[in-house]
N, C-alpha and C. Protein backbone atom coordinates (compact mmCIF):
# COMPACT_ATOMS: atom_id res chain seq x y z
N MET A 1 -38.35 198.99 -136.59
CA MET A 1 -38.61 197.78 -136.51
C MET A 1 -38.52 197.65 -134.63
N ASP A 2 -37.57 198.88 -134.04
CA ASP A 2 -37.27 198.86 -132.90
C ASP A 2 -38.46 199.86 -132.31
N LYS A 3 -38.97 200.79 -133.14
CA LYS A 3 -40.06 201.55 -133.09
C LYS A 3 -41.53 200.55 -132.68
N GLU A 4 -41.63 199.71 -134.01
CA GLU A 4 -42.70 199.02 -134.05
C GLU A 4 -42.55 198.01 -132.77
N ARG A 5 -41.73 197.58 -131.91
CA ARG A 5 -41.91 196.64 -130.93
C ARG A 5 -42.01 197.63 -129.73
N SER A 6 -41.26 198.95 -129.78
CA SER A 6 -41.51 199.68 -128.67
C SER A 6 -43.09 199.96 -128.39
N ILE A 7 -43.81 200.21 -129.68
CA ILE A 7 -45.17 200.10 -129.82
C ILE A 7 -45.96 198.95 -129.69
N ASN A 8 -45.43 198.08 -129.51
CA ASN A 8 -45.68 196.71 -129.55
C ASN A 8 -45.95 196.20 -127.96
N LEU A 9 -44.65 196.79 -127.16
CA LEU A 9 -44.18 196.70 -125.99
C LEU A 9 -45.53 197.67 -124.89
N HIS A 10 -45.43 198.89 -125.41
CA HIS A 10 -46.50 199.46 -124.74
C HIS A 10 -47.70 199.27 -124.58
N HIS A 11 -48.33 198.66 -126.04
CA HIS A 11 -49.91 198.12 -126.11
C HIS A 11 -49.78 197.09 -125.34
N GLN A 12 -49.20 195.95 -125.06
CA GLN A 12 -48.74 195.07 -124.21
C GLN A 12 -49.03 195.61 -122.82
N LYS A 13 -48.26 196.61 -122.49
CA LYS A 13 -48.23 197.02 -121.06
C LYS A 13 -49.61 197.14 -120.53
N LYS A 14 -50.26 198.29 -121.78
CA LYS A 14 -51.71 198.81 -121.18
C LYS A 14 -52.70 197.88 -121.22
N ILE A 15 -52.42 196.65 -122.15
CA ILE A 15 -53.70 195.85 -121.65
C ILE A 15 -53.34 194.82 -120.55
N PHE A 16 -51.89 195.07 -119.96
CA PHE A 16 -51.44 194.04 -118.57
C PHE A 16 -52.40 195.20 -117.45
N ILE A 17 -52.00 196.46 -117.52
CA ILE A 17 -52.73 197.30 -116.28
C ILE A 17 -53.87 197.22 -116.64
N LEU A 18 -54.80 197.18 -117.44
CA LEU A 18 -56.15 197.53 -117.58
C LEU A 18 -56.62 195.70 -117.10
N THR A 19 -56.00 195.09 -116.99
CA THR A 19 -56.52 193.63 -116.87
C THR A 19 -56.26 193.65 -115.64
N ILE A 20 -55.27 194.36 -114.82
CA ILE A 20 -55.17 194.35 -113.28
C ILE A 20 -56.32 195.40 -112.83
N ILE A 21 -56.42 195.98 -113.45
CA ILE A 21 -57.63 196.70 -112.76
C ILE A 21 -59.11 196.26 -112.70
N ILE A 22 -59.71 195.81 -114.13
CA ILE A 22 -60.59 194.94 -114.10
C ILE A 22 -60.57 193.69 -113.14
N LEU A 23 -59.32 193.10 -112.61
CA LEU A 23 -59.56 191.99 -111.71
C LEU A 23 -59.51 192.32 -110.32
N SER A 24 -59.19 193.68 -110.30
CA SER A 24 -58.85 194.36 -108.82
C SER A 24 -60.60 195.04 -108.64
N THR A 25 -61.17 195.56 -109.43
CA THR A 25 -62.89 195.72 -109.51
C THR A 25 -63.59 194.47 -109.24
N ILE A 26 -63.22 193.38 -109.77
CA ILE A 26 -64.13 192.52 -109.73
C ILE A 26 -63.89 191.75 -108.31
N VAL A 27 -62.96 191.30 -107.74
CA VAL A 27 -62.59 191.38 -106.47
C VAL A 27 -62.94 192.02 -105.02
N ASN A 28 -63.11 193.36 -105.80
CA ASN A 28 -63.52 194.49 -105.00
C ASN A 28 -65.48 194.27 -104.73
N LEU A 29 -65.96 194.14 -106.02
CA LEU A 29 -67.01 194.14 -105.98
C LEU A 29 -67.55 192.96 -105.19
N VAL A 30 -67.39 191.56 -105.46
CA VAL A 30 -67.28 190.50 -104.91
C VAL A 30 -67.20 191.03 -103.48
N GLY A 31 -66.04 191.54 -102.81
CA GLY A 31 -65.95 191.77 -101.32
C GLY A 31 -67.29 192.52 -100.84
N CYS A 32 -67.42 193.65 -101.61
CA CYS A 32 -68.69 194.32 -101.09
C CYS A 32 -70.45 193.47 -101.51
N SER A 33 -70.00 192.79 -102.47
CA SER A 33 -71.79 192.28 -102.60
C SER A 33 -72.36 191.06 -101.65
N SER A 34 -71.01 190.63 -101.02
CA SER A 34 -71.09 189.66 -99.58
C SER A 34 -71.46 190.23 -98.24
N ASP A 35 -71.05 191.52 -98.04
CA ASP A 35 -71.38 192.06 -97.00
C ASP A 35 -72.52 193.43 -97.12
N ASN A 36 -73.56 192.87 -97.87
CA ASN A 36 -74.59 194.24 -98.22
C ASN A 36 -75.58 194.17 -97.14
N PHE A 37 -75.34 193.05 -96.05
CA PHE A 37 -76.66 192.80 -95.01
C PHE A 37 -76.48 194.36 -94.23
N ASN A 38 -77.59 195.27 -94.24
CA ASN A 38 -77.62 196.08 -93.09
C ASN A 38 -78.95 195.76 -92.07
N HIS A 39 -78.40 195.39 -91.13
CA HIS A 39 -79.17 195.10 -90.10
C HIS A 39 -80.52 196.28 -89.63
N SER A 40 -80.06 197.55 -89.86
CA SER A 40 -81.36 198.69 -89.42
C SER A 40 -82.68 198.39 -90.50
N ASP A 41 -82.21 197.60 -91.68
CA ASP A 41 -83.54 197.54 -92.23
C ASP A 41 -84.13 196.40 -91.83
N PHE A 42 -83.90 195.69 -90.92
CA PHE A 42 -85.01 194.80 -89.87
C PHE A 42 -85.48 195.22 -88.87
N GLU A 43 -86.67 195.25 -88.82
CA GLU A 43 -87.60 195.22 -87.45
C GLU A 43 -88.74 194.11 -87.22
N ILE A 44 -88.85 194.12 -86.13
CA ILE A 44 -90.09 192.85 -85.54
C ILE A 44 -91.07 193.32 -85.13
N GLU A 45 -92.28 192.29 -85.12
CA GLU A 45 -92.96 192.88 -84.23
C GLU A 45 -93.89 191.53 -83.35
N ILE A 46 -93.80 191.45 -81.82
CA ILE A 46 -94.26 190.57 -81.14
C ILE A 46 -95.68 191.17 -80.42
N SER A 47 -96.19 189.73 -80.49
CA SER A 47 -97.81 189.75 -79.62
C SER A 47 -97.73 188.93 -78.68
N GLY A 48 -98.31 189.08 -77.57
CA GLY A 48 -98.53 187.63 -76.96
C GLY A 48 -97.42 187.80 -75.58
N LYS A 49 -97.38 187.33 -74.51
CA LYS A 49 -96.65 187.53 -73.63
C LYS A 49 -95.20 186.62 -73.42
N LYS A 50 -94.02 187.79 -73.24
CA LYS A 50 -93.16 186.92 -73.33
C LYS A 50 -92.32 185.71 -72.36
N LEU A 51 -91.62 184.85 -72.61
CA LEU A 51 -91.94 184.02 -71.89
C LEU A 51 -90.51 184.41 -70.87
N GLU A 52 -90.57 183.50 -69.66
CA GLU A 52 -89.41 183.52 -68.84
C GLU A 52 -88.12 182.83 -69.39
N LYS A 53 -87.22 183.20 -68.89
CA LYS A 53 -85.68 182.86 -69.41
C LYS A 53 -85.77 181.11 -69.26
N LEU A 54 -85.05 180.33 -70.07
CA LEU A 54 -84.55 178.82 -70.09
C LEU A 54 -83.66 178.72 -68.99
N PRO A 55 -84.50 178.15 -67.96
CA PRO A 55 -83.92 177.83 -66.68
C PRO A 55 -82.57 176.66 -67.46
N LYS A 56 -81.73 176.57 -66.49
CA LYS A 56 -80.57 175.77 -67.03
C LYS A 56 -80.53 174.40 -66.25
N SER A 57 -81.44 174.29 -65.56
CA SER A 57 -81.79 172.72 -65.02
C SER A 57 -83.04 172.85 -64.22
N GLY A 58 -83.77 171.79 -63.99
CA GLY A 58 -85.00 171.53 -63.34
C GLY A 58 -86.24 171.94 -64.40
N LEU A 59 -87.62 171.78 -63.75
CA LEU A 59 -88.68 172.61 -64.36
C LEU A 59 -88.74 173.57 -64.94
N ASP A 60 -89.36 173.50 -66.49
CA ASP A 60 -89.42 174.88 -67.38
C ASP A 60 -90.71 175.23 -67.29
N THR A 61 -91.34 176.09 -66.59
CA THR A 61 -92.58 176.50 -66.20
C THR A 61 -93.36 177.29 -67.62
N VAL A 62 -92.64 177.10 -68.56
CA VAL A 62 -93.37 177.84 -69.43
C VAL A 62 -94.32 176.96 -70.27
N ILE A 63 -93.91 175.57 -69.98
CA ILE A 63 -94.85 174.39 -70.67
C ILE A 63 -95.91 174.50 -70.40
N GLY A 64 -96.60 174.59 -72.09
CA GLY A 64 -97.88 174.76 -71.69
C GLY A 64 -98.24 176.14 -72.00
N LEU A 65 -97.57 177.31 -71.86
CA LEU A 65 -98.36 178.52 -71.63
C LEU A 65 -98.08 178.66 -73.32
N ASP A 66 -98.76 180.15 -73.60
CA ASP A 66 -98.80 180.44 -75.01
C ASP A 66 -97.54 181.00 -75.29
N ALA A 67 -97.24 180.59 -76.70
CA ALA A 67 -95.98 181.39 -76.99
C ALA A 67 -96.44 182.19 -77.51
N PRO A 68 -95.12 183.31 -77.84
CA PRO A 68 -95.32 184.65 -78.47
C PRO A 68 -95.45 184.86 -79.92
N ILE A 69 -96.11 185.29 -80.70
CA ILE A 69 -96.54 185.16 -81.78
C ILE A 69 -95.24 186.53 -82.84
N VAL A 70 -94.35 186.53 -83.38
CA VAL A 70 -93.69 187.29 -84.05
C VAL A 70 -93.73 187.50 -85.41
N SER A 71 -93.86 188.62 -85.86
CA SER A 71 -93.81 188.95 -87.15
C SER A 71 -92.19 189.72 -87.61
N GLY A 72 -91.83 189.49 -88.97
CA GLY A 72 -90.83 190.19 -89.29
C GLY A 72 -90.15 189.83 -90.64
N LYS A 73 -89.23 189.78 -91.21
CA LYS A 73 -88.76 189.87 -92.70
C LYS A 73 -87.58 188.70 -92.82
N SER A 74 -87.54 188.06 -93.99
CA SER A 74 -86.53 187.14 -93.98
C SER A 74 -85.11 187.77 -94.90
N PHE A 75 -84.24 187.60 -94.98
CA PHE A 75 -82.94 188.17 -95.53
C PHE A 75 -83.31 188.81 -96.84
N ILE A 76 -83.86 188.11 -97.15
CA ILE A 76 -84.55 189.06 -98.81
C ILE A 76 -85.97 189.77 -98.49
N GLN A 77 -86.15 189.99 -97.24
CA GLN A 77 -87.66 191.20 -97.07
C GLN A 77 -88.96 190.08 -97.50
N GLU A 78 -88.57 189.12 -97.38
CA GLU A 78 -90.00 188.47 -97.46
C GLU A 78 -90.68 188.54 -96.01
N ASN A 79 -92.24 188.67 -96.01
CA ASN A 79 -92.82 188.87 -94.85
C ASN A 79 -92.70 187.29 -93.68
N ILE A 80 -92.33 187.04 -92.65
CA ILE A 80 -92.26 185.67 -91.87
C ILE A 80 -93.33 186.35 -91.16
N LYS A 81 -94.06 185.43 -90.51
CA LYS A 81 -94.68 185.52 -89.24
C LYS A 81 -94.52 183.78 -88.61
N ILE A 82 -94.30 184.27 -87.63
CA ILE A 82 -93.88 182.66 -86.56
C ILE A 82 -95.03 182.42 -85.63
N SER A 83 -95.90 181.39 -85.72
CA SER A 83 -96.99 180.96 -84.94
C SER A 83 -97.58 179.86 -85.30
N SER A 84 -98.16 178.61 -85.04
CA SER A 84 -98.71 177.84 -85.24
C SER A 84 -99.19 177.61 -86.20
N ALA A 85 -100.50 178.47 -85.98
CA ALA A 85 -101.31 178.30 -87.10
C ALA A 85 -101.93 176.90 -87.54
N GLY A 86 -102.31 176.32 -86.29
CA GLY A 86 -102.88 175.01 -86.87
C GLY A 86 -102.02 173.80 -87.31
N LYS A 87 -100.76 174.30 -86.97
CA LYS A 87 -99.70 173.18 -87.34
C LYS A 87 -98.65 172.77 -85.98
N PRO A 88 -98.27 171.75 -85.45
CA PRO A 88 -97.14 171.70 -84.70
C PRO A 88 -95.91 172.40 -85.36
N THR A 89 -95.18 173.14 -84.63
CA THR A 89 -94.25 173.91 -84.86
C THR A 89 -92.65 173.86 -84.42
N ILE A 90 -91.71 173.91 -85.13
CA ILE A 90 -90.47 173.75 -84.45
C ILE A 90 -89.63 175.34 -84.75
N ILE A 91 -89.35 176.07 -84.07
CA ILE A 91 -88.44 177.02 -84.08
C ILE A 91 -87.30 176.93 -83.58
N LEU A 92 -86.06 177.34 -84.24
CA LEU A 92 -84.75 177.36 -84.01
C LEU A 92 -83.85 178.45 -84.41
N PHE A 93 -83.27 178.34 -83.18
CA PHE A 93 -82.62 180.11 -82.96
C PHE A 93 -81.28 179.61 -83.57
N LEU A 94 -80.98 180.86 -84.29
CA LEU A 94 -79.23 180.44 -84.64
C LEU A 94 -78.23 181.93 -84.45
N ALA A 95 -77.15 181.50 -84.09
CA ALA A 95 -76.49 183.11 -83.82
C ALA A 95 -75.14 182.61 -84.92
N HIS A 96 -75.00 183.74 -85.78
CA HIS A 96 -73.64 183.01 -86.90
C HIS A 96 -72.45 182.95 -86.27
N TRP A 97 -72.28 183.40 -85.18
CA TRP A 97 -71.31 183.09 -84.48
C TRP A 97 -70.11 181.92 -83.56
N CYS A 98 -71.92 181.36 -83.59
CA CYS A 98 -71.89 180.30 -82.73
C CYS A 98 -71.36 179.07 -83.69
N SER A 99 -70.02 178.18 -82.48
CA SER A 99 -69.91 177.25 -83.49
C SER A 99 -70.51 175.99 -83.66
N HIS A 100 -71.69 175.70 -82.39
CA HIS A 100 -72.80 174.74 -82.23
C HIS A 100 -74.15 174.83 -83.29
N CYS A 101 -74.03 176.27 -83.49
CA CYS A 101 -74.90 176.61 -84.82
C CYS A 101 -74.44 175.99 -86.19
N GLN A 102 -73.37 176.22 -86.25
CA GLN A 102 -72.55 176.31 -87.48
C GLN A 102 -72.52 175.06 -87.63
N ALA A 103 -72.36 174.29 -86.85
CA ALA A 103 -72.39 172.39 -87.09
C ALA A 103 -74.14 172.10 -87.51
N GLU A 104 -75.01 172.86 -86.67
CA GLU A 104 -76.21 172.28 -86.84
C GLU A 104 -76.62 172.81 -88.38
N VAL A 105 -76.36 173.60 -88.95
CA VAL A 105 -76.51 174.42 -89.96
C VAL A 105 -75.97 172.96 -90.68
N ASP A 106 -74.60 173.18 -90.98
CA ASP A 106 -73.94 172.05 -92.19
C ASP A 106 -74.50 170.93 -92.16
N MET A 107 -74.80 170.32 -90.98
CA MET A 107 -75.24 169.22 -90.71
C MET A 107 -77.03 168.92 -91.22
N LEU A 108 -77.87 169.84 -91.09
CA LEU A 108 -79.40 169.22 -91.47
C LEU A 108 -79.48 170.03 -92.37
N GLY A 109 -78.85 171.43 -92.94
CA GLY A 109 -79.29 172.05 -93.97
C GLY A 109 -79.12 171.16 -95.16
N PRO A 110 -78.40 170.85 -95.36
CA PRO A 110 -78.40 169.40 -96.72
C PRO A 110 -79.49 168.39 -96.83
N TRP A 111 -79.34 167.94 -95.41
CA TRP A 111 -80.28 166.55 -95.30
C TRP A 111 -81.98 167.05 -95.38
N ILE A 112 -82.28 168.28 -94.81
CA ILE A 112 -83.69 169.00 -95.03
C ILE A 112 -83.96 169.44 -96.61
N LYS A 113 -82.82 169.88 -97.34
CA LYS A 113 -83.06 170.12 -98.59
C LYS A 113 -83.23 168.80 -99.37
N ASP A 114 -82.73 167.79 -98.84
CA ASP A 114 -83.32 166.22 -99.36
C ASP A 114 -84.38 165.42 -99.46
N ASN A 115 -84.83 165.91 -97.79
CA ASN A 115 -85.86 165.04 -96.77
C ASN A 115 -86.65 166.48 -96.60
N PRO A 116 -87.48 167.02 -97.19
CA PRO A 116 -88.18 168.10 -97.21
C PRO A 116 -89.19 168.11 -95.47
N VAL A 117 -89.56 168.89 -94.92
CA VAL A 117 -90.49 168.87 -93.59
C VAL A 117 -91.56 168.37 -94.38
N SER A 118 -92.08 167.69 -93.33
CA SER A 118 -93.78 167.61 -94.32
C SER A 118 -94.78 168.89 -93.73
N ASP A 119 -95.67 168.98 -94.79
CA ASP A 119 -96.26 170.34 -94.79
C ASP A 119 -97.37 170.31 -93.45
N ASP A 120 -97.51 168.81 -93.34
CA ASP A 120 -98.15 169.31 -91.60
C ASP A 120 -97.38 169.38 -90.56
N LEU A 121 -96.26 169.99 -90.96
CA LEU A 121 -95.48 170.61 -89.70
C LEU A 121 -95.07 172.03 -90.25
N ASN A 122 -94.56 173.16 -89.00
CA ASN A 122 -93.85 174.65 -89.95
C ASN A 122 -92.50 174.33 -88.96
N PHE A 123 -91.34 174.50 -90.02
CA PHE A 123 -90.25 175.00 -89.30
C PHE A 123 -89.86 176.05 -89.97
N PHE A 124 -89.57 177.06 -88.58
CA PHE A 124 -88.75 178.15 -89.01
C PHE A 124 -87.45 178.06 -88.18
N SER A 125 -86.45 179.28 -88.76
CA SER A 125 -85.48 179.15 -87.97
C SER A 125 -85.15 181.01 -87.85
N ILE A 126 -84.94 181.47 -86.61
CA ILE A 126 -84.15 183.17 -86.15
C ILE A 126 -83.02 183.38 -86.31
N ALA A 127 -82.48 184.17 -87.05
CA ALA A 127 -81.13 184.50 -86.78
C ALA A 127 -81.12 185.96 -85.71
N THR A 128 -80.37 185.29 -84.72
CA THR A 128 -80.61 186.70 -83.86
C THR A 128 -79.25 186.70 -82.91
N SER A 129 -78.68 187.51 -82.29
CA SER A 129 -77.89 187.77 -81.66
C SER A 129 -76.93 188.51 -82.80
N ILE A 130 -77.01 188.63 -83.30
CA ILE A 130 -76.39 189.39 -84.83
C ILE A 130 -75.15 190.51 -84.28
N ASP A 131 -73.97 190.47 -85.05
CA ASP A 131 -72.81 191.45 -84.22
C ASP A 131 -71.68 190.97 -85.50
N LYS A 132 -71.60 192.57 -85.97
CA LYS A 132 -70.85 193.07 -86.77
C LYS A 132 -69.33 192.69 -86.80
N SER A 133 -69.28 192.21 -85.41
CA SER A 133 -67.77 191.93 -84.77
C SER A 133 -67.28 190.70 -84.48
N ARG A 134 -68.32 189.75 -84.79
CA ARG A 134 -68.09 188.51 -84.36
C ARG A 134 -68.04 187.32 -85.90
N PRO A 135 -67.49 186.44 -85.92
CA PRO A 135 -67.19 185.40 -87.23
C PRO A 135 -68.53 184.95 -87.70
N ASN A 136 -68.62 184.74 -88.80
CA ASN A 136 -69.62 184.20 -90.22
C ASN A 136 -71.01 185.63 -90.29
N TYR A 137 -69.54 187.08 -90.11
CA TYR A 137 -70.81 188.05 -90.70
C TYR A 137 -70.65 188.12 -92.24
N PRO A 138 -72.04 188.58 -92.90
CA PRO A 138 -73.13 188.82 -92.25
C PRO A 138 -73.41 187.21 -92.41
N PRO A 139 -74.61 187.35 -91.59
CA PRO A 139 -75.16 185.51 -91.56
C PRO A 139 -76.02 185.01 -92.45
N ASN A 140 -76.57 186.16 -93.48
CA ASN A 140 -77.39 185.44 -94.30
C ASN A 140 -75.99 184.87 -95.48
N THR A 141 -74.94 185.40 -95.69
CA THR A 141 -73.84 184.57 -96.08
C THR A 141 -73.78 183.16 -95.59
N TRP A 142 -73.31 183.43 -94.66
CA TRP A 142 -73.06 182.18 -93.59
C TRP A 142 -74.36 181.22 -94.02
N LEU A 143 -75.11 180.95 -94.13
CA LEU A 143 -76.68 180.32 -94.00
C LEU A 143 -76.63 179.93 -95.55
N ASP A 144 -76.29 180.65 -96.27
CA ASP A 144 -76.24 180.17 -97.59
C ASP A 144 -75.46 179.34 -97.95
N LYS A 145 -73.89 179.67 -97.61
CA LYS A 145 -73.30 178.59 -97.42
C LYS A 145 -73.16 177.01 -97.12
N GLY A 146 -74.25 177.23 -95.80
CA GLY A 146 -74.78 175.85 -95.57
C GLY A 146 -75.93 175.09 -96.26
N VAL A 147 -76.18 175.67 -96.83
CA VAL A 147 -77.36 175.19 -97.47
C VAL A 147 -78.53 175.30 -96.73
N TRP A 148 -78.87 176.14 -96.45
CA TRP A 148 -79.92 176.24 -95.05
C TRP A 148 -81.55 176.61 -95.79
N PRO A 149 -82.45 175.55 -96.33
CA PRO A 149 -83.38 175.70 -97.00
C PRO A 149 -84.66 176.11 -96.19
N VAL A 150 -84.84 176.46 -94.64
CA VAL A 150 -85.37 177.22 -93.75
C VAL A 150 -85.75 178.22 -93.57
N PRO A 151 -87.18 178.68 -93.97
CA PRO A 151 -87.27 180.22 -93.64
C PRO A 151 -86.61 180.89 -92.80
N THR A 152 -86.13 181.42 -92.62
CA THR A 152 -85.38 182.18 -91.88
C THR A 152 -86.09 183.66 -91.48
N LEU A 153 -86.36 184.09 -89.89
CA LEU A 153 -86.54 185.45 -89.72
C LEU A 153 -85.37 185.86 -89.21
N VAL A 154 -85.29 187.32 -89.54
CA VAL A 154 -83.96 188.38 -88.71
C VAL A 154 -84.46 189.11 -87.59
N ASP A 155 -84.06 188.86 -86.54
CA ASP A 155 -84.39 189.44 -85.21
C ASP A 155 -83.63 190.54 -85.59
N ASP A 156 -84.45 191.66 -84.64
CA ASP A 156 -83.80 193.52 -84.44
C ASP A 156 -82.57 193.40 -84.18
N LYS A 157 -82.04 194.49 -84.18
CA LYS A 157 -80.92 194.75 -83.51
C LYS A 157 -80.92 194.30 -81.77
N ASP A 158 -81.70 194.53 -81.34
CA ASP A 158 -81.93 194.39 -79.89
C ASP A 158 -81.99 192.36 -79.67
N SER A 159 -82.25 191.73 -80.35
CA SER A 159 -82.30 190.37 -80.33
C SER A 159 -83.64 190.30 -79.54
N SER A 160 -84.79 191.28 -79.85
CA SER A 160 -86.31 190.88 -79.28
C SER A 160 -86.75 189.76 -79.40
N ALA A 161 -86.71 189.11 -80.51
CA ALA A 161 -87.43 187.61 -80.71
C ALA A 161 -86.97 186.68 -79.55
N GLY A 162 -85.47 186.65 -79.76
CA GLY A 162 -84.42 185.80 -78.84
C GLY A 162 -84.87 186.02 -77.51
N LYS A 163 -85.24 187.47 -77.05
CA LYS A 163 -85.62 187.19 -75.49
C LYS A 163 -86.92 187.38 -75.25
N ALA A 164 -87.63 187.22 -76.20
CA ALA A 164 -89.34 187.09 -75.80
C ALA A 164 -89.52 185.93 -75.66
N PHE A 165 -88.69 184.91 -76.42
CA PHE A 165 -88.63 183.37 -76.22
C PHE A 165 -87.76 182.78 -74.75
N GLY A 166 -87.43 184.11 -74.15
CA GLY A 166 -86.44 183.56 -72.83
C GLY A 166 -84.91 182.88 -73.44
N LEU A 167 -84.13 182.97 -74.63
CA LEU A 167 -83.15 182.62 -74.76
C LEU A 167 -81.91 182.50 -73.90
N THR A 168 -81.22 181.97 -73.46
CA THR A 168 -79.84 181.51 -72.56
C THR A 168 -78.66 181.77 -73.55
N SER A 169 -78.87 180.53 -74.42
CA SER A 169 -77.85 179.94 -75.29
C SER A 169 -78.13 179.46 -76.28
N PHE A 170 -76.95 179.59 -77.63
CA PHE A 170 -77.30 178.74 -78.62
C PHE A 170 -76.71 177.41 -79.22
N PRO A 171 -77.35 176.95 -80.14
CA PRO A 171 -78.76 177.18 -80.52
C PRO A 171 -79.58 176.53 -79.81
N THR A 172 -80.88 177.34 -80.12
CA THR A 172 -82.13 177.10 -78.94
C THR A 172 -83.45 176.33 -79.52
N TRP A 173 -83.84 175.34 -79.41
CA TRP A 173 -85.08 174.50 -80.08
C TRP A 173 -86.34 175.44 -79.34
N ILE A 174 -87.49 175.65 -79.98
CA ILE A 174 -88.88 176.16 -79.75
C ILE A 174 -89.77 174.98 -79.98
N ILE A 175 -90.66 174.12 -79.34
CA ILE A 175 -91.47 173.11 -79.69
C ILE A 175 -92.87 173.97 -79.85
N LEU A 176 -93.59 173.99 -80.35
CA LEU A 176 -95.11 174.32 -80.16
C LEU A 176 -95.94 173.33 -80.39
N ASP A 177 -97.14 173.38 -79.98
CA ASP A 177 -98.34 172.25 -80.67
C ASP A 177 -99.16 173.01 -81.43
N ARG A 178 -100.15 172.55 -81.99
CA ARG A 178 -100.82 172.90 -83.05
C ARG A 178 -101.71 174.32 -82.76
N ASP A 179 -102.01 174.51 -81.27
CA ASP A 179 -102.36 175.74 -80.84
C ASP A 179 -101.70 176.70 -80.29
N GLY A 180 -100.30 176.58 -80.49
CA GLY A 180 -99.50 177.68 -80.35
C GLY A 180 -98.93 177.58 -78.96
N LYS A 181 -99.01 176.75 -78.24
CA LYS A 181 -98.44 176.63 -76.87
C LYS A 181 -97.26 176.02 -76.60
N VAL A 182 -96.44 175.98 -76.05
CA VAL A 182 -95.19 175.77 -75.15
C VAL A 182 -95.07 173.98 -75.19
N ILE A 183 -94.51 173.16 -76.01
CA ILE A 183 -94.51 171.98 -75.50
C ILE A 183 -93.04 171.80 -74.99
N ASN A 184 -92.17 172.27 -75.45
CA ASN A 184 -90.58 172.32 -74.88
C ASN A 184 -89.71 173.25 -75.20
N ARG A 185 -88.83 173.45 -74.49
CA ARG A 185 -87.59 174.68 -75.15
C ARG A 185 -86.22 173.99 -74.50
N PHE A 186 -85.09 173.62 -75.00
CA PHE A 186 -84.13 173.57 -74.82
C PHE A 186 -82.75 173.99 -75.83
N SER A 187 -81.56 173.49 -74.91
CA SER A 187 -80.36 174.40 -76.25
C SER A 187 -79.48 173.57 -76.34
N GLY A 188 -78.64 173.36 -77.76
CA GLY A 188 -77.81 172.61 -77.89
C GLY A 188 -78.30 171.95 -79.14
N SER A 189 -77.19 171.52 -79.60
CA SER A 189 -77.04 170.61 -81.32
C SER A 189 -77.92 169.75 -81.11
N ILE A 190 -78.90 168.99 -82.34
CA ILE A 190 -79.23 167.64 -82.23
C ILE A 190 -79.16 167.03 -83.51
N THR A 191 -78.80 165.76 -83.38
CA THR A 191 -78.49 165.22 -84.39
C THR A 191 -79.31 164.77 -85.42
N THR A 192 -79.03 164.10 -87.02
CA THR A 192 -80.07 164.28 -87.78
C THR A 192 -81.06 163.18 -87.46
N LYS A 193 -80.60 162.03 -86.49
CA LYS A 193 -81.80 161.24 -85.97
C LYS A 193 -82.23 161.94 -85.46
N ASP A 194 -81.98 162.73 -84.42
CA ASP A 194 -83.03 163.30 -83.47
C ASP A 194 -84.18 163.90 -84.27
N PHE A 195 -83.54 164.87 -85.41
CA PHE A 195 -84.56 165.62 -85.86
C PHE A 195 -85.64 164.61 -86.54
N ILE A 196 -85.38 163.54 -86.78
CA ILE A 196 -86.26 162.86 -87.89
C ILE A 196 -87.40 162.12 -86.54
N ASN A 197 -86.47 161.78 -85.24
CA ASN A 197 -87.56 161.56 -84.25
C ASN A 197 -88.58 162.58 -83.79
N LEU A 198 -87.98 163.84 -83.53
CA LEU A 198 -88.95 165.10 -83.27
C LEU A 198 -90.01 164.79 -83.95
N THR A 199 -89.71 165.09 -85.35
CA THR A 199 -90.75 165.56 -86.80
C THR A 199 -91.59 164.20 -86.31
N ASP A 200 -91.51 163.05 -86.76
CA ASP A 200 -91.80 162.05 -86.32
C ASP A 200 -93.32 162.10 -85.37
N PHE A 201 -92.46 162.49 -84.16
CA PHE A 201 -93.53 162.34 -82.79
C PHE A 201 -94.38 163.56 -82.99
N LEU A 202 -94.09 164.43 -83.66
CA LEU A 202 -94.99 165.99 -83.60
C LEU A 202 -96.13 165.52 -84.58
N LEU A 203 -95.63 164.43 -85.86
CA LEU A 203 -96.72 164.29 -86.83
C LEU A 203 -97.50 163.51 -85.97
N LYS A 204 -97.22 162.45 -85.49
CA LYS A 204 -98.23 161.13 -84.54
C LYS A 204 -99.25 161.88 -83.59
N GLU A 205 -98.24 163.00 -82.97
CA GLU A 205 -99.64 163.91 -82.12
C GLU A 205 -100.62 164.40 -82.58
N GLU A 206 -100.34 164.91 -83.95
CA GLU A 206 -100.95 165.51 -84.49
C GLU A 206 -102.36 164.72 -85.00
N SER A 207 -101.69 163.30 -85.63
CA SER A 207 -103.06 162.63 -86.23
C SER A 207 -103.61 162.06 -85.11
N ILE A 208 -103.08 162.33 -83.99
CA ILE A 208 -104.04 162.02 -82.68
C ILE A 208 -105.14 163.08 -82.43
N GLU A 209 -104.62 164.32 -82.45
CA GLU A 209 -105.27 165.47 -82.50
C GLU A 209 -106.66 165.42 -83.59
N LYS A 210 -106.11 165.41 -84.79
CA LYS A 210 -106.92 164.82 -86.17
C LYS A 210 -108.12 164.01 -85.81
């Protein structure tokens, strides 16, 4: 009886240890899978003239100028080319460590998912200023948590796209007309109502152009 009990206890101990090992493996796998982002996998191409830095105040001298065209990859290695292509275009630059960017994604992401942007507009975001030592890294995991449905291009290690558009802070919005010329650039978060007003204005201008 004692021998049988000893065997059972030994068997239970083995099951317990095996369970701990399995659980530990699962935790480690989850931890690794959330950090599979390799910034070296992302390169971009820029054509056209770079824009001067966005001024802190006063007249923005790039209004009316052609915006650079940026080509690269999304987080899942899909090709993305950011240009007007005959439509008014909104470009939103985001940094994963920026608290204002986080608030913007949390607010606008779910709303845009339920209220898709009109097919008569382009809306892209660019993940830039990526830094492994700063919060919310990797950025793809951060945006997934924020339910971000916007096509997102990944900037390279030198933040070349951000520099090409003259970024000085985050988030930064770039608004282009259907010909790829800069209508406006501004930094800071906007509300859902502001976003609706912006898209309505661009759609109205587009209908006038047609």
